[in-house]
Amino acid sequence: MTRVTLSLMLVLAAGAAMAQPRPSTPERSCAANRQSVAANGAIVLGTGGHTFDRFVRDRGFCQHGDFLEPAYVPSRDTAQCFVGYRCKVDSPWD
């Protein structure tokens, strides 16, 4: 196999991995969305249309110095479903 062929195969494989769809919270139940965050620790979920965010189970999935902000998303059965937290950089006390 030539280097060009091998390089092309690696680029195509990486593109396919990046193109995987993320779960969409409005299409799933609140319990399913909450379970996805709890099971993965940190996960990117679609929140409707072309919007998405990263949700975490606890502070262990944030950068040092970040604080946790409670996160609510729309779900199939609940308009404001608590799924976990978002990592935030700025201090909530400033």
N, C-alpha and C. Protein backbone atom coordinates (compact mmCIF):
# COMPACT_ATOMS: atom_id res chain seq x y z
N MET A 1 0.84 -1.17 0.00
CA MET A 1 0.00 0.00 0.00
C MET A 1 0.90 1.25 0.00
N THR A 2 0.55 2.19 -0.80
CA THR A 2 1.36 3.41 -0.88
C THR A 2 1.01 4.34 0.27
N ARG A 3 1.88 5.29 0.52
CA ARG A 3 1.62 6.26 1.59
C ARG A 3 0.38 7.09 1.30
N VAL A 4 0.18 7.43 0.04
CA VAL A 4 -0.98 8.24 -0.33
C VAL A 4 -2.27 7.47 -0.05
N THR A 5 -2.30 6.21 -0.40
CA THR A 5 -3.48 5.38 -0.17
C THR A 5 -3.75 5.25 1.32
N LEU A 6 -2.70 4.98 2.07
CA LEU A 6 -2.84 4.83 3.52
C LEU A 6 -3.33 6.14 4.15
N SER A 7 -2.77 7.26 3.72
CA SER A 7 -3.18 8.56 4.25
C SER A 7 -4.65 8.84 3.93
N LEU A 8 -5.06 8.54 2.72
CA LEU A 8 -6.45 8.75 2.31
C LEU A 8 -7.39 7.89 3.15
N MET A 9 -7.01 6.65 3.41
CA MET A 9 -7.85 5.76 4.22
C MET A 9 -7.99 6.31 5.64
N LEU A 10 -6.91 6.83 6.21
CA LEU A 10 -6.97 7.38 7.56
C LEU A 10 -7.86 8.62 7.62
N VAL A 11 -7.76 9.48 6.62
CA VAL A 11 -8.58 10.69 6.57
C VAL A 11 -10.06 10.32 6.45
N LEU A 12 -10.38 9.36 5.61
CA LEU A 12 -11.78 8.95 5.44
C LEU A 12 -12.32 8.30 6.71
N ALA A 13 -11.51 7.51 7.39
CA ALA A 13 -11.95 6.87 8.63
C ALA A 13 -12.19 7.91 9.71
N ALA A 14 -11.34 8.90 9.80
CA ALA A 14 -11.51 9.96 10.79
C ALA A 14 -12.76 10.78 10.49
N GLY A 15 -13.02 11.05 9.23
CA GLY A 15 -14.21 11.80 8.84
C GLY A 15 -15.48 11.06 9.19
N ALA A 16 -15.49 9.75 9.00
CA ALA A 16 -16.66 8.95 9.32
C ALA A 16 -16.91 8.95 10.83
N ALA A 17 -15.86 8.89 11.62
CA ALA A 17 -16.02 8.90 13.07
C ALA A 17 -16.56 10.25 13.53
N MET A 18 -16.11 11.33 12.92
CA MET A 18 -16.56 12.66 13.32
C MET A 18 -17.99 12.92 12.88
N ALA A 19 -18.49 12.22 11.89
CA ALA A 19 -19.81 12.47 11.35
C ALA A 19 -20.92 11.74 12.11
N GLN A 20 -20.57 11.03 13.16
CA GLN A 20 -21.58 10.31 13.91
C GLN A 20 -22.57 11.29 14.53
N PRO A 21 -23.85 11.00 14.41
CA PRO A 21 -24.85 11.92 14.98
C PRO A 21 -24.84 11.85 16.50
N ARG A 22 -25.09 13.00 17.15
CA ARG A 22 -25.18 13.01 18.61
C ARG A 22 -26.65 12.85 18.99
N PRO A 23 -26.92 12.28 20.16
CA PRO A 23 -28.31 12.14 20.60
C PRO A 23 -28.98 13.52 20.69
N SER A 24 -30.23 13.57 20.29
CA SER A 24 -31.00 14.81 20.32
C SER A 24 -31.98 14.77 21.49
N THR A 25 -31.81 15.68 22.45
CA THR A 25 -32.63 15.63 23.66
C THR A 25 -34.13 15.76 23.41
N PRO A 26 -34.60 16.61 22.47
CA PRO A 26 -36.06 16.72 22.27
C PRO A 26 -36.70 15.43 21.76
N GLU A 27 -35.91 14.54 21.18
CA GLU A 27 -36.45 13.30 20.64
C GLU A 27 -36.44 12.16 21.65
N ARG A 28 -35.84 12.37 22.81
CA ARG A 28 -35.69 11.32 23.81
C ARG A 28 -36.39 11.72 25.10
N SER A 29 -36.68 10.74 25.93
CA SER A 29 -37.30 11.03 27.23
C SER A 29 -36.30 11.69 28.16
N CYS A 30 -36.82 12.36 29.17
CA CYS A 30 -35.97 13.01 30.15
C CYS A 30 -35.07 11.96 30.82
N ALA A 31 -35.64 10.83 31.18
CA ALA A 31 -34.86 9.78 31.85
C ALA A 31 -33.72 9.27 30.95
N ALA A 32 -33.97 9.12 29.66
CA ALA A 32 -32.93 8.65 28.73
C ALA A 32 -31.81 9.68 28.62
N ASN A 33 -32.16 10.96 28.56
CA ASN A 33 -31.14 12.01 28.49
C ASN A 33 -30.31 12.05 29.76
N ARG A 34 -30.97 11.97 30.90
CA ARG A 34 -30.27 11.98 32.19
C ARG A 34 -29.35 10.76 32.31
N GLN A 35 -29.82 9.61 31.87
CA GLN A 35 -29.03 8.38 31.94
C GLN A 35 -27.80 8.46 31.04
N SER A 36 -27.91 9.10 29.89
CA SER A 36 -26.76 9.25 28.99
C SER A 36 -25.63 10.03 29.66
N VAL A 37 -26.00 11.10 30.36
CA VAL A 37 -24.98 11.90 31.06
C VAL A 37 -24.40 11.10 32.21
N ALA A 38 -25.25 10.45 32.99
CA ALA A 38 -24.77 9.69 34.14
C ALA A 38 -23.85 8.53 33.72
N ALA A 39 -24.22 7.83 32.66
CA ALA A 39 -23.44 6.67 32.21
C ALA A 39 -22.11 7.05 31.57
N ASN A 40 -22.09 8.15 30.85
CA ASN A 40 -20.87 8.56 30.14
C ASN A 40 -19.97 9.49 30.95
N GLY A 41 -20.53 10.15 31.93
CA GLY A 41 -19.76 11.12 32.71
C GLY A 41 -19.73 12.48 32.04
N ALA A 42 -19.47 12.50 30.75
CA ALA A 42 -19.49 13.72 29.94
C ALA A 42 -19.93 13.32 28.54
N ILE A 43 -20.85 14.10 27.98
CA ILE A 43 -21.38 13.77 26.65
C ILE A 43 -21.89 15.05 25.97
N VAL A 44 -21.77 15.08 24.67
CA VAL A 44 -22.33 16.17 23.88
C VAL A 44 -23.71 15.73 23.40
N LEU A 45 -24.71 16.54 23.71
CA LEU A 45 -26.08 16.24 23.30
C LEU A 45 -26.61 17.38 22.44
N GLY A 46 -27.35 17.02 21.40
CA GLY A 46 -28.06 18.02 20.61
C GLY A 46 -29.25 18.49 21.42
N THR A 47 -29.52 19.80 21.38
CA THR A 47 -30.61 20.35 22.18
C THR A 47 -31.73 20.95 21.33
N GLY A 48 -31.68 20.67 20.05
CA GLY A 48 -32.72 21.15 19.14
C GLY A 48 -32.11 21.88 17.96
N GLY A 49 -32.57 21.58 16.77
CA GLY A 49 -32.03 22.22 15.58
C GLY A 49 -30.55 21.94 15.43
N HIS A 50 -29.77 22.99 15.27
CA HIS A 50 -28.32 22.84 15.12
C HIS A 50 -27.58 23.19 16.39
N THR A 51 -28.26 23.22 17.53
CA THR A 51 -27.61 23.58 18.79
C THR A 51 -27.22 22.32 19.57
N PHE A 52 -26.16 22.45 20.33
CA PHE A 52 -25.68 21.33 21.14
C PHE A 52 -24.84 21.90 22.28
N ASP A 53 -24.57 21.06 23.27
CA ASP A 53 -23.73 21.46 24.38
C ASP A 53 -23.14 20.21 25.02
N ARG A 54 -22.14 20.43 25.86
CA ARG A 54 -21.48 19.33 26.58
C ARG A 54 -22.04 19.32 28.00
N PHE A 55 -22.48 18.16 28.43
CA PHE A 55 -23.06 18.00 29.76
C PHE A 55 -22.22 17.01 30.55
N VAL A 56 -22.09 17.27 31.84
CA VAL A 56 -21.24 16.42 32.68
C VAL A 56 -22.01 15.94 33.91
N ARG A 57 -21.52 14.82 34.44
CA ARG A 57 -22.12 14.22 35.63
C ARG A 57 -21.64 14.93 36.90
N ASP A 58 -20.35 15.30 36.93
CA ASP A 58 -19.79 15.93 38.12
C ASP A 58 -18.55 16.74 37.76
N ARG A 59 -17.98 17.40 38.74
CA ARG A 59 -16.85 18.31 38.54
C ARG A 59 -15.61 17.60 37.99
N GLY A 60 -15.51 16.30 38.19
CA GLY A 60 -14.37 15.54 37.70
C GLY A 60 -14.22 15.58 36.18
N PHE A 61 -15.23 16.00 35.47
CA PHE A 61 -15.19 16.07 34.01
C PHE A 61 -14.98 17.50 33.50
N CYS A 62 -14.67 18.41 34.42
CA CYS A 62 -14.40 19.81 34.06
C CYS A 62 -12.92 20.11 34.22
N GLN A 63 -12.50 21.24 33.70
CA GLN A 63 -11.14 21.71 33.87
C GLN A 63 -10.96 22.23 35.30
N HIS A 64 -9.72 22.23 35.76
CA HIS A 64 -9.41 22.77 37.09
C HIS A 64 -9.84 24.24 37.13
N GLY A 65 -10.56 24.61 38.15
CA GLY A 65 -11.01 26.00 38.30
C GLY A 65 -12.41 26.25 37.76
N ASP A 66 -12.95 25.33 36.97
CA ASP A 66 -14.32 25.49 36.47
C ASP A 66 -15.31 25.27 37.61
N PHE A 67 -16.50 25.82 37.45
CA PHE A 67 -17.57 25.52 38.39
C PHE A 67 -18.71 24.88 37.63
N LEU A 68 -19.59 24.23 38.36
CA LEU A 68 -20.73 23.54 37.74
C LEU A 68 -21.95 24.44 37.72
N GLU A 69 -22.64 24.42 36.58
CA GLU A 69 -23.91 25.12 36.44
C GLU A 69 -24.97 24.07 36.13
N PRO A 70 -26.06 24.00 36.89
CA PRO A 70 -27.11 23.03 36.59
C PRO A 70 -27.59 23.18 35.14
N ALA A 71 -27.81 22.07 34.48
CA ALA A 71 -28.19 22.09 33.07
C ALA A 71 -29.57 21.46 32.87
N TYR A 72 -30.41 22.19 32.16
CA TYR A 72 -31.75 21.74 31.82
C TYR A 72 -31.90 21.76 30.31
N VAL A 73 -32.51 20.72 29.76
CA VAL A 73 -32.68 20.61 28.31
C VAL A 73 -34.14 20.27 28.00
N PRO A 74 -34.58 20.59 26.79
CA PRO A 74 -35.92 20.12 26.39
C PRO A 74 -35.86 18.62 26.10
N SER A 75 -36.89 17.91 26.50
CA SER A 75 -36.96 16.48 26.19
C SER A 75 -38.36 16.16 25.68
N ARG A 76 -38.55 14.94 25.21
CA ARG A 76 -39.82 14.54 24.63
C ARG A 76 -40.97 14.67 25.62
N ASP A 77 -40.72 14.41 26.91
CA ASP A 77 -41.78 14.40 27.89
C ASP A 77 -41.71 15.52 28.94
N THR A 78 -40.66 16.34 28.89
CA THR A 78 -40.48 17.41 29.87
C THR A 78 -39.85 18.62 29.20
N ALA A 79 -40.43 19.79 29.41
CA ALA A 79 -39.89 21.01 28.78
C ALA A 79 -38.54 21.41 29.37
N GLN A 80 -38.36 21.21 30.66
CA GLN A 80 -37.11 21.57 31.35
C GLN A 80 -36.63 20.35 32.13
N CYS A 81 -35.81 19.53 31.50
CA CYS A 81 -35.32 18.29 32.10
C CYS A 81 -33.91 18.50 32.65
N PHE A 82 -33.72 18.28 33.96
CA PHE A 82 -32.39 18.37 34.56
C PHE A 82 -31.60 17.13 34.14
N VAL A 83 -30.48 17.34 33.44
CA VAL A 83 -29.66 16.21 32.97
C VAL A 83 -28.31 16.11 33.66
N GLY A 84 -27.89 17.16 34.34
CA GLY A 84 -26.59 17.18 34.98
C GLY A 84 -26.10 18.61 35.03
N TYR A 85 -24.86 18.81 34.57
CA TYR A 85 -24.25 20.13 34.70
C TYR A 85 -23.50 20.53 33.44
N ARG A 86 -23.21 21.82 33.34
CA ARG A 86 -22.29 22.37 32.34
C ARG A 86 -21.08 22.89 33.11
N CYS A 87 -19.89 22.76 32.53
CA CYS A 87 -18.68 23.32 33.12
C CYS A 87 -18.61 24.79 32.69
N LYS A 88 -18.41 25.66 33.64
CA LYS A 88 -18.30 27.09 33.36
C LYS A 88 -16.96 27.61 33.88
N VAL A 89 -16.37 28.54 33.13
CA VAL A 89 -15.05 29.06 33.45
C VAL A 89 -15.12 30.16 34.48
N ASP A 90 -16.02 31.10 34.33
CA ASP A 90 -16.10 32.26 35.23
C ASP A 90 -16.67 31.86 36.57
N SER A 91 -16.24 32.53 37.60
CA SER A 91 -16.74 32.28 38.95
C SER A 91 -18.17 32.79 39.07
N PRO A 92 -19.05 32.04 39.71
CA PRO A 92 -20.43 32.51 39.88
C PRO A 92 -20.54 33.63 40.91
N TRP A 93 -19.47 33.90 41.66
CA TRP A 93 -19.51 34.91 42.71
C TRP A 93 -18.95 36.26 42.25
N ASP A 94 -18.51 36.38 41.02
CA ASP A 94 -17.98 37.65 40.52
C ASP A 94 -19.08 38.56 40.05
